[in-house]
Amino acid sequence: MLKWAVILAIVALIAGALGFTGVAGAAAGIAKILFFLFLLGFIVVAVLGVTVFKSVTRE
């Protein structure tokens, strides 16, 4: 997901430089959404790793 966010951010930069503002805005918006979804997933997995999974592996 992070890979697609980076790809769309690069597409937005190139489209903005070439004057395609509609395409640049859409690609930037999608890249932003994907980045925040990735960040949310990372935080959830990190919290679960610290709390739940450590208690499961203890014997």
C-alpha atoms as a PDB file:
ATOM      1  CA  MET A   1       0.000   0.000   0.000  1.00  0.00           C
ATOM      2  CA  LEU A   2       2.852   2.340   0.777  1.00  0.00           C
ATOM      3  CA  LYS A   3       4.361   1.512  -2.608  1.00  0.00           C
ATOM      4  CA  TRP A   4       1.179   2.648  -4.388  1.00  0.00           C
ATOM      5  CA  ALA A   5       1.067   5.830  -2.308  1.00  0.00           C
ATOM      6  CA  VAL A   6       4.613   6.691  -3.380  1.00  0.00           C
ATOM      7  CA  ILE A   7       3.879   5.862  -7.028  1.00  0.00           C
ATOM      8  CA  LEU A   8       0.767   8.077  -7.034  1.00  0.00           C
ATOM      9  CA  ALA A   9       2.679  10.897  -5.328  1.00  0.00           C
ATOM     10  CA  ILE A  10       5.290  10.752  -8.094  1.00  0.00           C
ATOM     11  CA  VAL A  11       2.538  10.714 -10.744  1.00  0.00           C
ATOM     12  CA  ALA A  12       0.985  13.771  -9.079  1.00  0.00           C
ATOM     13  CA  LEU A  13       4.306  15.627  -9.118  1.00  0.00           C
ATOM     14  CA  ILE A  14       4.932  14.850 -12.780  1.00  0.00           C
ATOM     15  CA  ALA A  15       1.351  15.693 -13.800  1.00  0.00           C
ATOM     16  CA  GLY A  16       1.518  18.951 -11.850  1.00  0.00           C
ATOM     17  CA  ALA A  17       4.792  19.881 -13.522  1.00  0.00           C
ATOM     18  CA  LEU A  18       3.281  19.218 -16.952  1.00  0.00           C
ATOM     19  CA  GLY A  19       0.176  21.276 -16.197  1.00  0.00           C
ATOM     20  CA  PHE A  20      -2.381  18.497 -15.748  1.00  0.00           C
ATOM     21  CA  THR A  21      -3.833  19.902 -12.535  1.00  0.00           C
ATOM     22  CA  GLY A  22      -6.917  17.664 -12.482  1.00  0.00           C
ATOM     23  CA  VAL A  23      -4.879  14.490 -12.752  1.00  0.00           C
ATOM     24  CA  ALA A  24      -2.346  15.811 -10.252  1.00  0.00           C
ATOM     25  CA  GLY A  25      -5.034  16.639  -7.709  1.00  0.00           C
ATOM     26  CA  ALA A  26      -6.712  13.254  -8.058  1.00  0.00           C
ATOM     27  CA  ALA A  27      -3.442  11.323  -7.783  1.00  0.00           C
ATOM     28  CA  ALA A  28      -2.367  13.364  -4.766  1.00  0.00           C
ATOM     29  CA  GLY A  29      -5.710  12.772  -3.067  1.00  0.00           C
ATOM     30  CA  ILE A  30      -5.538   9.025  -3.600  1.00  0.00           C
ATOM     31  CA  ALA A  31      -1.904   8.935  -2.462  1.00  0.00           C
ATOM     32  CA  LYS A  32      -2.872  10.782   0.719  1.00  0.00           C
ATOM     33  CA  ILE A  33      -5.682   8.345   1.482  1.00  0.00           C
ATOM     34  CA  LEU A  34      -3.465   5.310   0.870  1.00  0.00           C
ATOM     35  CA  PHE A  35      -0.704   6.747   3.050  1.00  0.00           C
ATOM     36  CA  PHE A  36      -3.044   7.336   5.974  1.00  0.00           C
ATOM     37  CA  LEU A  37      -4.538   3.849   5.596  1.00  0.00           C
ATOM     38  CA  PHE A  38      -1.019   2.421   5.675  1.00  0.00           C
ATOM     39  CA  LEU A  39      -0.189   4.507   8.735  1.00  0.00           C
ATOM     40  CA  LEU A  40      -3.354   3.374  10.515  1.00  0.00           C
ATOM     41  CA  GLY A  41      -2.612  -0.275   9.734  1.00  0.00           C
ATOM     42  CA  PHE A  42       0.952   0.110  10.958  1.00  0.00           C
ATOM     43  CA  ILE A  43      -0.188   1.625  14.255  1.00  0.00           C
ATOM     44  CA  VAL A  44      -2.764  -1.139  14.802  1.00  0.00           C
ATOM     45  CA  VAL A  45      -0.204  -3.876  14.145  1.00  0.00           C
ATOM     46  CA  ALA A  46       2.370  -2.154  16.378  1.00  0.00           C
ATOM     47  CA  VAL A  47      -0.099  -1.871  19.277  1.00  0.00           C
ATOM     48  CA  LEU A  48      -1.153  -5.493  18.843  1.00  0.00           C
ATOM     49  CA  GLY A  49       2.483  -6.557  18.724  1.00  0.00           C
ATOM     50  CA  VAL A  50       3.231  -4.806  21.997  1.00  0.00           C
ATOM     51  CA  THR A  51       0.137  -5.980  23.874  1.00  0.00           C
ATOM     52  CA  VAL A  52      -1.671  -9.060  22.596  1.00  0.00           C
ATOM     53  CA  PHE A  53       1.048 -11.010  20.861  1.00  0.00           C
ATOM     54  CA  LYS A  54       3.521 -10.696  23.739  1.00  0.00           C
ATOM     55  CA  SER A  55       0.960 -12.109  26.168  1.00  0.00           C
ATOM     56  CA  VAL A  56       0.286 -15.040  23.807  1.00  0.00           C
ATOM     57  CA  THR A  57       3.935 -15.985  23.477  1.00  0.00           C
ATOM     58  CA  ARG A  58       4.638 -15.964  27.230  1.00  0.00           C
ATOM     59  CA  GLU A  59       4.582 -19.394  28.848  1.00  0.00           C
END
